[in-house]
Amino acid sequence: MACGPSDEFTGRWESAENGQASGSVLNGYLEIVVGQYGNDASGVLRVYDDPFLKFPSAQCPCMYLVDGKIRGTTVTFVLNFEHCTAMVADHTHEGEKTSYVLSLDSLSDFSAAGRILDANANELQIFDLDRIEYEDELIDEVERTCVMGSQQGNP
């Protein structure tokens, strides 16, 4: 197990050129910032309505990726909908928040296949990602947090 950042998933990932994510959980252009330490990882996922101007989605501007675990060439996270109030109602059943898992499968140093799974491991959505920033040092502190207007939050 490593003590410092690993490069398998560390960096900034964005929706691949072939388009935006669309499905039952997330819709829009995705940006995922991942920090990996040994077999653990955490991150922030942002959803943009426009990939060029990067206007945050009103439905879900960002969410934390928590409890990241790496097994081989796959990292899985639990999606935290705390900052996605417009989506929480859509993903609540009988008063309890629905649990979703984001899974990233490394295809190469610069591409990954993303999947969103429900609590029963049913695949709800798939999408492709390209790594835009490879080095952990190039990702600043603001990119590691969910910024909501004048508020900032940490997982």
C-alpha atoms as a PDB file:
ATOM      1  CA  MET A   1       0.000   0.000   0.000  1.00  0.00           C
ATOM      2  CA  ALA A   2       1.374   3.431  -0.945  1.00  0.00           C
ATOM      3  CA  CYS A   3       1.751   6.373   1.434  1.00  0.00           C
ATOM      4  CA  GLY A   4       1.548   9.084  -1.235  1.00  0.00           C
ATOM      5  CA  PRO A   5      -0.657   9.838  -4.222  1.00  0.00           C
ATOM      6  CA  SER A   6      -0.938   7.141  -6.835  1.00  0.00           C
ATOM      7  CA  ASP A   7      -1.442   7.932 -10.494  1.00  0.00           C
ATOM      8  CA  GLU A   8      -3.954   5.232 -11.451  1.00  0.00           C
ATOM      9  CA  PHE A   9      -6.935   7.576 -10.937  1.00  0.00           C
ATOM     10  CA  THR A  10      -5.531  10.830  -9.512  1.00  0.00           C
ATOM     11  CA  GLY A  11      -6.392  13.846 -11.631  1.00  0.00           C
ATOM     12  CA  ARG A  12      -9.249  15.564 -13.432  1.00  0.00           C
ATOM     13  CA  TRP A  13     -11.521  13.510 -15.667  1.00  0.00           C
ATOM     14  CA  GLU A  14     -14.142  14.954 -18.030  1.00  0.00           C
ATOM     15  CA  SER A  15     -16.860  13.598 -20.285  1.00  0.00           C
ATOM     16  CA  ALA A  16     -15.243  12.126 -23.369  1.00  0.00           C
ATOM     17  CA  GLU A  17     -15.525  13.879 -26.714  1.00  0.00           C
ATOM     18  CA  ASN A  18     -18.311  11.526 -27.736  1.00  0.00           C
ATOM     19  CA  GLY A  19     -20.772  13.446 -25.588  1.00  0.00           C
ATOM     20  CA  GLN A  20     -22.453  14.159 -22.342  1.00  0.00           C
ATOM     21  CA  ALA A  21     -23.729  11.721 -19.781  1.00  0.00           C
ATOM     22  CA  SER A  22     -27.419  11.069 -20.005  1.00  0.00           C
ATOM     23  CA  GLY A  23     -29.447   8.683 -17.960  1.00  0.00           C
ATOM     24  CA  SER A  24     -31.618   8.231 -14.946  1.00  0.00           C
ATOM     25  CA  VAL A  25     -29.170   9.704 -12.397  1.00  0.00           C
ATOM     26  CA  LEU A  26     -26.879  12.334 -13.975  1.00  0.00           C
ATOM     27  CA  ASN A  27     -27.452  14.430 -17.084  1.00  0.00           C
ATOM     28  CA  GLY A  28     -24.879  16.831 -18.509  1.00  0.00           C
ATOM     29  CA  TYR A  29     -21.166  17.255 -19.033  1.00  0.00           C
ATOM     30  CA  LEU A  30     -19.262  15.613 -16.168  1.00  0.00           C
ATOM     31  CA  GLU A  31     -16.036  16.646 -14.472  1.00  0.00           C
ATOM     32  CA  ILE A  32     -14.587  14.379 -11.802  1.00  0.00           C
ATOM     33  CA  VAL A  33     -11.592  15.324  -9.645  1.00  0.00           C
ATOM     34  CA  VAL A  34     -10.020  12.320  -7.902  1.00  0.00           C
ATOM     35  CA  GLY A  35      -7.342  12.042  -5.246  1.00  0.00           C
ATOM     36  CA  GLN A  36      -5.990   8.553  -4.658  1.00  0.00           C
ATOM     37  CA  TYR A  37      -3.890   7.362  -1.724  1.00  0.00           C
ATOM     38  CA  GLY A  38      -3.003   3.703  -1.774  1.00  0.00           C
ATOM     39  CA  ASN A  39      -6.262   1.792  -2.166  1.00  0.00           C
ATOM     40  CA  ASP A  40      -8.424   4.696  -0.961  1.00  0.00           C
ATOM     41  CA  ALA A  41      -9.778   7.614  -2.982  1.00  0.00           C
ATOM     42  CA  SER A  42     -12.112  10.573  -2.699  1.00  0.00           C
ATOM     43  CA  GLY A  43     -13.266  13.222  -5.084  1.00  0.00           C
ATOM     44  CA  VAL A  44     -15.738  15.769  -6.347  1.00  0.00           C
ATOM     45  CA  LEU A  45     -18.109  15.315  -9.263  1.00  0.00           C
ATOM     46  CA  ARG A  46     -19.445  18.396 -11.077  1.00  0.00           C
ATOM     47  CA  VAL A  47     -22.242  18.441 -13.628  1.00  0.00           C
ATOM     48  CA  TYR A  48     -22.295  21.215 -16.243  1.00  0.00           C
ATOM     49  CA  ASP A  49     -25.121  22.101 -18.611  1.00  0.00           C
ATOM     50  CA  ASP A  50     -22.606  23.510 -21.115  1.00  0.00           C
ATOM     51  CA  PRO A  51     -19.203  21.850 -21.639  1.00  0.00           C
ATOM     52  CA  PHE A  52     -17.566  25.018 -22.976  1.00  0.00           C
ATOM     53  CA  LEU A  53     -18.811  27.705 -20.595  1.00  0.00           C
ATOM     54  CA  LYS A  54     -19.004  25.243 -17.689  1.00  0.00           C
ATOM     55  CA  PHE A  55     -22.199  26.593 -16.170  1.00  0.00           C
ATOM     56  CA  PRO A  56     -23.087  24.360 -13.209  1.00  0.00           C
ATOM     57  CA  SER A  57     -26.258  22.351 -13.549  1.00  0.00           C
ATOM     58  CA  ALA A  58     -29.104  23.854 -11.516  1.00  0.00           C
ATOM     59  CA  GLN A  59     -30.238  20.330 -10.643  1.00  0.00           C
ATOM     60  CA  CYS A  60     -26.862  19.169  -9.332  1.00  0.00           C
ATOM     61  CA  PRO A  61     -23.884  21.549  -9.444  1.00  0.00           C
ATOM     62  CA  CYS A  62     -21.550  19.174  -7.587  1.00  0.00           C
ATOM     63  CA  MET A  63     -21.391  16.237  -5.231  1.00  0.00           C
ATOM     64  CA  TYR A  64     -18.748  14.564  -3.136  1.00  0.00           C
ATOM     65  CA  LEU A  65     -17.481  11.113  -4.006  1.00  0.00           C
ATOM     66  CA  VAL A  66     -16.901   9.353  -0.707  1.00  0.00           C
ATOM     67  CA  ASP A  67     -15.710   5.960   0.539  1.00  0.00           C
ATOM     68  CA  GLY A  68     -13.583   5.425  -2.574  1.00  0.00           C
ATOM     69  CA  LYS A  69     -12.047   1.963  -2.826  1.00  0.00           C
ATOM     70  CA  ILE A  70      -9.646   0.732  -5.491  1.00  0.00           C
ATOM     71  CA  ARG A  71      -9.543  -2.888  -6.614  1.00  0.00           C
ATOM     72  CA  GLY A  72      -7.297  -3.597  -9.564  1.00  0.00           C
ATOM     73  CA  THR A  73      -8.126  -1.132 -12.334  1.00  0.00           C
ATOM     74  CA  THR A  74     -11.496  -0.099 -10.841  1.00  0.00           C
ATOM     75  CA  VAL A  75     -12.353   2.567  -8.288  1.00  0.00           C
ATOM     76  CA  THR A  76     -15.811   2.787  -6.704  1.00  0.00           C
ATOM     77  CA  PHE A  77     -17.335   5.699  -4.797  1.00  0.00           C
ATOM     78  CA  VAL A  78     -20.587   6.360  -2.979  1.00  0.00           C
ATOM     79  CA  LEU A  79     -22.405   9.392  -4.440  1.00  0.00           C
ATOM     80  CA  ASN A  80     -23.244  12.063  -1.837  1.00  0.00           C
ATOM     81  CA  PHE A  81     -26.293  14.084  -2.965  1.00  0.00           C
ATOM     82  CA  GLU A  82     -25.979  16.677  -0.158  1.00  0.00           C
ATOM     83  CA  HIS A  83     -25.547  19.624  -2.580  1.00  0.00           C
ATOM     84  CA  CYS A  84     -28.051  18.281  -5.107  1.00  0.00           C
ATOM     85  CA  THR A  85     -31.257  19.290  -3.386  1.00  0.00           C
ATOM     86  CA  ALA A  86     -33.210  19.260  -6.650  1.00  0.00           C
ATOM     87  CA  MET A  87     -32.213  15.630  -7.144  1.00  0.00           C
ATOM     88  CA  VAL A  88     -32.698  14.370  -3.591  1.00  0.00           C
ATOM     89  CA  ALA A  89     -36.473  14.107  -3.999  1.00  0.00           C
ATOM     90  CA  ASP A  90     -35.985  12.086  -7.185  1.00  0.00           C
ATOM     91  CA  HIS A  91     -33.653   9.712  -5.359  1.00  0.00           C
ATOM     92  CA  THR A  92     -35.513   9.196  -2.091  1.00  0.00           C
ATOM     93  CA  HIS A  93     -37.695   6.193  -1.417  1.00  0.00           C
ATOM     94  CA  GLU A  94     -39.960   6.004   1.640  1.00  0.00           C
ATOM     95  CA  GLY A  95     -38.010   8.766   3.407  1.00  0.00           C
ATOM     96  CA  GLU A  96     -34.590   7.211   2.854  1.00  0.00           C
ATOM     97  CA  LYS A  97     -32.032   8.477   0.385  1.00  0.00           C
ATOM     98  CA  THR A  98     -31.287   6.038  -2.392  1.00  0.00           C
ATOM     99  CA  SER A  99     -27.683   4.889  -2.409  1.00  0.00           C
ATOM    100  CA  TYR A 100     -25.752   5.005  -5.673  1.00  0.00           C
ATOM    101  CA  VAL A 101     -22.251   3.869  -6.528  1.00  0.00           C
ATOM    102  CA  LEU A 102     -20.021   5.475  -9.146  1.00  0.00           C
ATOM    103  CA  SER A 103     -17.594   2.988 -10.667  1.00  0.00           C
ATOM    104  CA  LEU A 104     -14.667   4.010 -12.881  1.00  0.00           C
ATOM    105  CA  ASP A 105     -12.824   1.359 -14.867  1.00  0.00           C
ATOM    106  CA  SER A 106      -9.419   2.464 -16.142  1.00  0.00           C
ATOM    107  CA  LEU A 107      -9.103   1.706 -19.857  1.00  0.00           C
ATOM    108  CA  SER A 108      -5.741   3.465 -20.283  1.00  0.00           C
ATOM    109  CA  ASP A 109      -3.748   6.259 -18.635  1.00  0.00           C
ATOM    110  CA  PHE A 110      -6.121   8.768 -20.210  1.00  0.00           C
ATOM    111  CA  SER A 111      -9.523   7.080 -20.537  1.00  0.00           C
ATOM    112  CA  ALA A 112     -12.029   5.409 -18.242  1.00  0.00           C
ATOM    113  CA  ALA A 113     -15.483   3.890 -18.461  1.00  0.00           C
ATOM    114  CA  GLY A 114     -17.914   5.197 -15.864  1.00  0.00           C
ATOM    115  CA  ARG A 115     -20.975   3.427 -14.517  1.00  0.00           C
ATOM    116  CA  ILE A 116     -23.587   4.343 -11.945  1.00  0.00           C
ATOM    117  CA  LEU A 117     -25.039   1.421 -10.014  1.00  0.00           C
ATOM    118  CA  ASP A 118     -27.934   1.207  -7.578  1.00  0.00           C
ATOM    119  CA  ALA A 119     -27.750  -0.481  -4.166  1.00  0.00           C
ATOM    120  CA  ASN A 120     -28.409  -3.854  -5.828  1.00  0.00           C
ATOM    121  CA  ALA A 121     -25.529  -3.366  -8.331  1.00  0.00           C
ATOM    122  CA  ASN A 122     -27.940  -2.784 -11.231  1.00  0.00           C
ATOM    123  CA  GLU A 123     -26.328  -0.635 -13.911  1.00  0.00           C
ATOM    124  CA  LEU A 124     -28.331   2.593 -14.292  1.00  0.00           C
ATOM    125  CA  GLN A 125     -26.030   4.649 -16.479  1.00  0.00           C
ATOM    126  CA  ILE A 126     -22.783   4.378 -18.427  1.00  0.00           C
ATOM    127  CA  PHE A 127     -20.473   7.076 -19.806  1.00  0.00           C
ATOM    128  CA  ASP A 128     -16.890   7.570 -21.019  1.00  0.00           C
ATOM    129  CA  LEU A 129     -14.306   9.870 -19.443  1.00  0.00           C
ATOM    130  CA  ASP A 130     -10.990  11.341 -20.575  1.00  0.00           C
ATOM    131  CA  ARG A 131      -8.247  12.373 -18.140  1.00  0.00           C
ATOM    132  CA  ILE A 132      -7.543  16.084 -18.619  1.00  0.00           C
ATOM    133  CA  GLU A 133      -5.112  16.691 -15.745  1.00  0.00           C
ATOM    134  CA  TYR A 134      -2.760  13.920 -14.762  1.00  0.00           C
ATOM    135  CA  GLU A 135      -0.716  15.453 -11.956  1.00  0.00           C
ATOM    136  CA  ASP A 136      -2.172  15.936  -8.477  1.00  0.00           C
ATOM    137  CA  GLU A 137      -0.154  19.165  -8.083  1.00  0.00           C
ATOM    138  CA  LEU A 138      -2.122  20.802 -10.928  1.00  0.00           C
ATOM    139  CA  ILE A 139      -5.419  20.504  -9.060  1.00  0.00           C
ATOM    140  CA  ASP A 140      -6.024  23.392  -6.671  1.00  0.00           C
ATOM    141  CA  GLU A 141      -7.928  23.423  -3.373  1.00  0.00           C
ATOM    142  CA  VAL A 142     -11.103  24.958  -4.864  1.00  0.00           C
ATOM    143  CA  GLU A 143     -11.382  22.070  -7.334  1.00  0.00           C
ATOM    144  CA  ARG A 144     -11.406  19.649  -4.385  1.00  0.00           C
ATOM    145  CA  THR A 145     -14.532  21.209  -2.812  1.00  0.00           C
ATOM    146  CA  CYS A 146     -18.163  21.814  -3.706  1.00  0.00           C
ATOM    147  CA  VAL A 147     -18.539  25.585  -4.030  1.00  0.00           C
ATOM    148  CA  MET A 148     -22.136  26.751  -3.763  1.00  0.00           C
ATOM    149  CA  GLY A 149     -22.256  30.519  -4.356  1.00  0.00           C
ATOM    150  CA  SER A 150     -20.539  31.991  -1.306  1.00  0.00           C
ATOM    151  CA  GLN A 151     -20.646  28.665   0.580  1.00  0.00           C
ATOM    152  CA  GLN A 152     -17.969  26.014   0.540  1.00  0.00           C
ATOM    153  CA  GLY A 153     -18.317  22.503   1.819  1.00  0.00           C
ATOM    154  CA  ASN A 154     -16.038  19.615   2.565  1.00  0.00           C
ATOM    155  CA  PRO A 155     -17.017  15.955   2.724  1.00  0.00           C
END
